[in-house]
PDB file of N, CA and C in Angstrom:
ATOM      1  N   MET A   1      17.422   5.526  15.019  1.00  0.00           N
ATOM      2  CA  MET A   1      18.350   5.373  13.932  1.00  0.00           C
ATOM      3  C   MET A   1      18.390   4.475  13.709  1.00  0.00           C
ATOM      4  N   LYS A   2      17.502   3.083  15.069  1.00  0.00           N
ATOM      5  CA  LYS A   2      17.513   1.304  14.740  1.00  0.00           C
ATOM      6  C   LYS A   2      16.080   1.539  13.880  1.00  0.00           C
ATOM      7  N   ALA A   3      15.410   2.522  13.534  1.00  0.00           N
ATOM      8  CA  ALA A   3      14.306   1.874  11.887  1.00  0.00           C
ATOM      9  C   ALA A   3      14.585   2.186  11.052  1.00  0.00           C
ATOM     10  N   ASN A   4      15.690   3.340  10.594  1.00  0.00           N
ATOM     11  CA  ASN A   4      16.672   3.494   9.824  1.00  0.00           C
ATOM     12  C   ASN A   4      17.001   1.874   8.962  1.00  0.00           C
ATOM     13  N   ASN A   5      18.151   1.605  10.383  1.00  0.00           N
ATOM     14  CA  ASN A   5      18.879   0.408  10.095  1.00  0.00           C
ATOM     15  C   ASN A   5      18.343  -0.994   9.598  1.00  0.00           C
ATOM     16  N   ARG A   6      17.137  -0.879  10.350  1.00  0.00           N
ATOM     17  CA  ARG A   6      15.969  -2.009   9.984  1.00  0.00           C
ATOM     18  C   ARG A   6      15.096  -1.391   8.648  1.00  0.00           C
ATOM     19  N   LEU A   7      15.254  -0.851   8.000  1.00  0.00           N
ATOM     20  CA  LEU A   7      14.555  -0.528   6.911  1.00  0.00           C
ATOM     21  C   LEU A   7      15.689  -0.983   5.599  1.00  0.00           C
ATOM     22  N   THR A   8      16.871  -0.141   5.864  1.00  0.00           N
ATOM     23  CA  THR A   8      18.130  -0.144   5.184  1.00  0.00           C
ATOM     24  C   THR A   8      17.827  -1.646   4.709  1.00  0.00           C
ATOM     25  N   LYS A   9      18.423  -2.311   5.968  1.00  0.00           N
ATOM     26  CA  LYS A   9      18.510  -3.854   5.704  1.00  0.00           C
ATOM     27  C   LYS A   9      17.351  -4.470   5.021  1.00  0.00           C
ATOM     28  N   ALA A  10      16.470  -4.036   5.401  1.00  0.00           N
ATOM     29  CA  ALA A  10      15.098  -5.062   4.862  1.00  0.00           C
ATOM     30  C   ALA A  10      15.199  -4.300   3.208  1.00  0.00           C
ATOM     31  N   PHE A  11      15.745  -3.442   2.711  1.00  0.00           N
ATOM     32  CA  PHE A  11      15.801  -3.231   1.379  1.00  0.00           C
ATOM     33  C   PHE A  11      16.736  -3.571   0.625  1.00  0.00           C
ATOM     34  N   LYS A  12      18.217  -3.636   1.487  1.00  0.00           N
ATOM     35  CA  LYS A  12      18.724  -4.547   0.228  1.00  0.00           C
ATOM     36  C   LYS A  12      18.614  -5.768   0.243  1.00  0.00           C
ATOM     37  N   HIS A  13      18.093  -6.610   1.620  1.00  0.00           N
ATOM     38  CA  HIS A  13      17.452  -7.721   1.203  1.00  0.00           C
ATOM     39  C   HIS A  13      16.487  -8.164   0.724  1.00  0.00           C
ATOM     40  N   ALA A  14      15.869  -7.326  -0.093  1.00  0.00           N
ATOM     41  CA  ALA A  14      13.802  -7.290  -0.538  1.00  0.00           C
ATOM     42  C   ALA A  14      14.258  -7.848  -1.992  1.00  0.00           C
ATOM     43  N   GLU A  15      13.471  -9.386  -2.195  1.00  0.00           N
ATOM     44  CA  GLU A  15      13.269  -9.640  -3.306  1.00  0.00           C
ATOM     45  C   GLU A  15      12.948  -8.843  -4.854  1.00  0.00           C
ATOM     46  N   THR A  16      13.460  -9.047  -5.900  1.00  0.00           N
ATOM     47  CA  THR A  16      12.986  -8.029  -6.861  1.00  0.00           C
ATOM     48  C   THR A  16      12.253  -8.649  -7.621  1.00  0.00           C
ATOM     49  N   VAL A  17      11.136  -7.885  -8.253  1.00  0.00           N
ATOM     50  CA  VAL A  17      10.189  -9.058  -8.498  1.00  0.00           C
ATOM     51  C   VAL A  17       9.995  -7.694 -10.144  1.00  0.00           C
ATOM     52  N   THR A  18       9.571  -8.276 -10.917  1.00  0.00           N
ATOM     53  CA  THR A  18       9.591  -7.742 -12.370  1.00  0.00           C
ATOM     54  C   THR A  18       8.209  -7.579 -12.583  1.00  0.00           C
ATOM     55  N   PHE A  19       7.919  -6.894 -13.682  1.00  0.00           N
ATOM     56  CA  PHE A  19       6.654  -7.109 -13.997  1.00  0.00           C
ATOM     57  C   PHE A  19       6.793  -6.400 -15.275  1.00  0.00           C
ATOM     58  N   ASP A  20       5.544  -6.904 -15.866  1.00  0.00           N
ATOM     59  CA  ASP A  20       5.197  -5.570 -17.272  1.00  0.00           C
ATOM     60  C   ASP A  20       3.853  -5.475 -17.644  1.00  0.00           C
ATOM     61  N   LYS A  21       3.329  -5.084 -18.732  1.00  0.00           N
ATOM     62  CA  LYS A  21       1.725  -4.172 -18.949  1.00  0.00           C
ATOM     63  C   LYS A  21       0.814  -4.919 -18.070  1.00  0.00           C
ATOM     64  N   ASN A  22       1.305  -6.417 -18.672  1.00  0.00           N
ATOM     65  CA  ASN A  22       0.087  -7.450 -18.623  1.00  0.00           C
ATOM     66  C   ASN A  22       0.706  -8.075 -16.872  1.00  0.00           C
ATOM     67  N   SER A  23       1.159  -7.250 -16.249  1.00  0.00           N
ATOM     68  CA  SER A  23       0.891  -8.052 -14.609  1.00  0.00           C
ATOM     69  C   SER A  23      -0.319  -7.334 -13.817  1.00  0.00           C
ATOM     70  N   LYS A  24      -0.435  -7.762 -13.103  1.00  0.00           N
ATOM     71  CA  LYS A  24      -1.855  -7.089 -11.785  1.00  0.00           C
ATOM     72  C   LYS A  24      -1.084  -7.288 -10.550  1.00  0.00           C
ATOM     73  N   PHE A  25      -1.402  -6.085 -10.071  1.00  0.00           N
ATOM     74  CA  PHE A  25      -0.810  -5.848  -8.556  1.00  0.00           C
ATOM     75  C   PHE A  25      -1.389  -5.303  -7.720  1.00  0.00           C
ATOM     76  N   ILE A  26      -2.136  -5.849  -6.585  1.00  0.00           N
ATOM     77  CA  ILE A  26      -2.765  -4.819  -5.983  1.00  0.00           C
ATOM     78  C   ILE A  26      -1.669  -4.480  -4.489  1.00  0.00           C
ATOM     79  N   PHE A  27      -2.002  -3.503  -4.519  1.00  0.00           N
ATOM     80  CA  PHE A  27      -1.449  -2.481  -3.118  1.00  0.00           C
ATOM     81  C   PHE A  27      -2.009  -1.725  -2.292  1.00  0.00           C
ATOM     82  N   PHE A  28      -2.436  -2.695  -0.831  1.00  0.00           N
ATOM     83  CA  PHE A  28      -3.586  -1.830  -0.391  1.00  0.00           C
ATOM     84  C   PHE A  28      -2.511  -1.857   0.731  1.00  0.00           C
ATOM     85  N   SER A  29      -2.747  -0.210   1.274  1.00  0.00           N
ATOM     86  CA  SER A  29      -2.123   0.344   2.644  1.00  0.00           C
ATOM     87  C   SER A  29      -2.510  -0.401   3.424  1.00  0.00           C
ATOM     88  N   ASP A  30      -1.697   0.331   4.703  1.00  0.00           N
ATOM     89  CA  ASP A  30      -2.914   0.631   6.079  1.00  0.00           C
ATOM     90  C   ASP A  30      -3.871   1.715   6.195  1.00  0.00           C
ATOM     91  N   SER A  31      -4.762   1.872   5.310  1.00  0.00           N
ATOM     92  CA  SER A  31      -5.874   2.655   4.833  1.00  0.00           C
ATOM     93  C   SER A  31      -7.360   1.475   5.665  1.00  0.00           C
ATOM     94  N   HIS A  32      -8.093   2.126   6.352  1.00  0.00           N
ATOM     95  CA  HIS A  32      -8.584   1.926   7.246  1.00  0.00           C
ATOM     96  C   HIS A  32      -9.683   2.040   6.891  1.00  0.00           C
ATOM     97  N   ARG A  33     -10.723   0.883   6.039  1.00  0.00           N
ATOM     98  CA  ARG A  33     -12.352   1.163   5.602  1.00  0.00           C
ATOM     99  C   ARG A  33     -12.521   2.099   6.957  1.00  0.00           C
ATOM    100  N   GLY A  34     -13.647   2.985   6.093  1.00  0.00           N
ATOM    101  CA  GLY A  34     -14.504   3.793   7.348  1.00  0.00           C
ATOM    102  C   GLY A  34     -15.722   3.759   7.502  1.00  0.00           C
ATOM    103  N   ASP A  35     -16.173   4.532   8.421  1.00  0.00           N
ATOM    104  CA  ASP A  35     -17.552   4.554   8.739  1.00  0.00           C
ATOM    105  C   ASP A  35     -18.723   5.896   8.304  1.00  0.00           C
ATOM    106  N   ASP A  36     -17.774   6.461   6.787  1.00  0.00           N
ATOM    107  CA  ASP A  36     -18.666   7.563   6.633  1.00  0.00           C
ATOM    108  C   ASP A  36     -18.531   9.029   7.673  1.00  0.00           C
ATOM    109  N   SER A  37     -17.764   8.574   8.570  1.00  0.00           N
ATOM    110  CA  SER A  37     -17.942   9.790   9.532  1.00  0.00           C
ATOM    111  C   SER A  37     -16.813  11.095   9.444  1.00  0.00           C
ATOM    112  N   VAL A  38     -16.847  11.980   9.806  1.00  0.00           N
ATOM    113  CA  VAL A  38     -16.610  13.010   9.487  1.00  0.00           C
ATOM    114  C   VAL A  38     -14.439  12.799   9.341  1.00  0.00           C
ATOM    115  N   SER A  39     -13.958  11.953   9.933  1.00  0.00           N
ATOM    116  CA  SER A  39     -12.664  11.700  10.241  1.00  0.00           C
ATOM    117  C   SER A  39     -12.407  10.647   9.050  1.00  0.00           C
ATOM    118  N   ASP A  40     -13.579  10.370   8.668  1.00  0.00           N
ATOM    119  CA  ASP A  40     -13.576   9.130   7.824  1.00  0.00           C
ATOM    120  C   ASP A  40     -12.367   9.159   6.217  1.00  0.00           C
ATOM    121  N   GLU A  41     -11.252   8.592   6.234  1.00  0.00           N
ATOM    122  CA  GLU A  41     -10.274   9.069   5.061  1.00  0.00           C
ATOM    123  C   GLU A  41     -10.845   8.149   4.213  1.00  0.00           C
ATOM    124  N   PHE A  42     -11.207   6.759   4.299  1.00  0.00           N
ATOM    125  CA  PHE A  42     -11.457   5.915   2.924  1.00  0.00           C
ATOM    126  C   PHE A  42     -12.612   6.414   2.750  1.00  0.00           C
ATOM    127  N   ILE A  43     -13.942   6.858   2.312  1.00  0.00           N
ATOM    128  CA  ILE A  43     -14.898   7.131   2.077  1.00  0.00           C
ATOM    129  C   ILE A  43     -14.300   8.054   0.977  1.00  0.00           C
ATOM    130  N   ARG A  44     -13.413   8.975   1.201  1.00  0.00           N
ATOM    131  CA  ARG A  44     -12.704  10.035   0.068  1.00  0.00           C
ATOM    132  C   ARG A  44     -12.131   9.401  -0.790  1.00  0.00           C
ATOM    133  N   ASN A  45     -11.521   8.365  -0.200  1.00  0.00           N
ATOM    134  CA  ASN A  45     -10.600   7.433  -1.591  1.00  0.00           C
ATOM    135  C   ASN A  45     -10.991   6.083  -1.773  1.00  0.00           C
ATOM    136  N   GLN A  46     -12.081   5.832  -1.834  1.00  0.00           N
ATOM    137  CA  GLN A  46     -12.371   4.298  -1.782  1.00  0.00           C
ATOM    138  C   GLN A  46     -12.659   4.573  -3.732  1.00  0.00           C
ATOM    139  N   ASN A  47     -12.639   4.818  -4.302  1.00  0.00           N
ATOM    140  CA  ASN A  47     -12.612   4.439  -5.982  1.00  0.00           C
ATOM    141  C   ASN A  47     -11.181   4.106  -5.808  1.00  0.00           C
ATOM    142  N   ILE A  48     -10.462   4.477  -5.564  1.00  0.00           N
ATOM    143  CA  ILE A  48      -9.263   3.841  -6.303  1.00  0.00           C
ATOM    144  C   ILE A  48      -8.605   2.543  -5.109  1.00  0.00           C
ATOM    145  N   PHE A  49      -9.985   1.572  -4.834  1.00  0.00           N
ATOM    146  CA  PHE A  49      -9.554   0.334  -4.483  1.00  0.00           C
ATOM    147  C   PHE A  49     -10.977  -0.395  -4.732  1.00  0.00           C
ATOM    148  N   TYR A  50     -11.432  -0.270  -6.060  1.00  0.00           N
ATOM    149  CA  TYR A  50     -12.715  -0.545  -6.461  1.00  0.00           C
ATOM    150  C   TYR A  50     -11.943  -1.326  -7.710  1.00  0.00           C
ATOM    151  N   MET A  51     -12.013  -2.500  -7.546  1.00  0.00           N
ATOM    152  CA  MET A  51     -11.707  -3.532  -8.537  1.00  0.00           C
ATOM    153  C   MET A  51     -12.414  -3.538  -9.771  1.00  0.00           C
ATOM    154  N   LEU A  52     -11.943  -3.813 -11.200  1.00  0.00           N
ATOM    155  CA  LEU A  52     -12.372  -3.852 -12.275  1.00  0.00           C
ATOM    156  C   LEU A  52     -12.937  -5.507 -12.883  1.00  0.00           C
TER     157      LEU A  52
END
């Protein structure tokens, strides 16, 4: 339950960031760039990380 309490506290004290249709954000998670092996999760999703 400690993790839940920490997450709740972080959420309650988090900064609010406003954005509109002209805002640009990049959300990069804990996905690891892969090596094109069978267990590589990145290669199948690499297009979502390309920037225009």
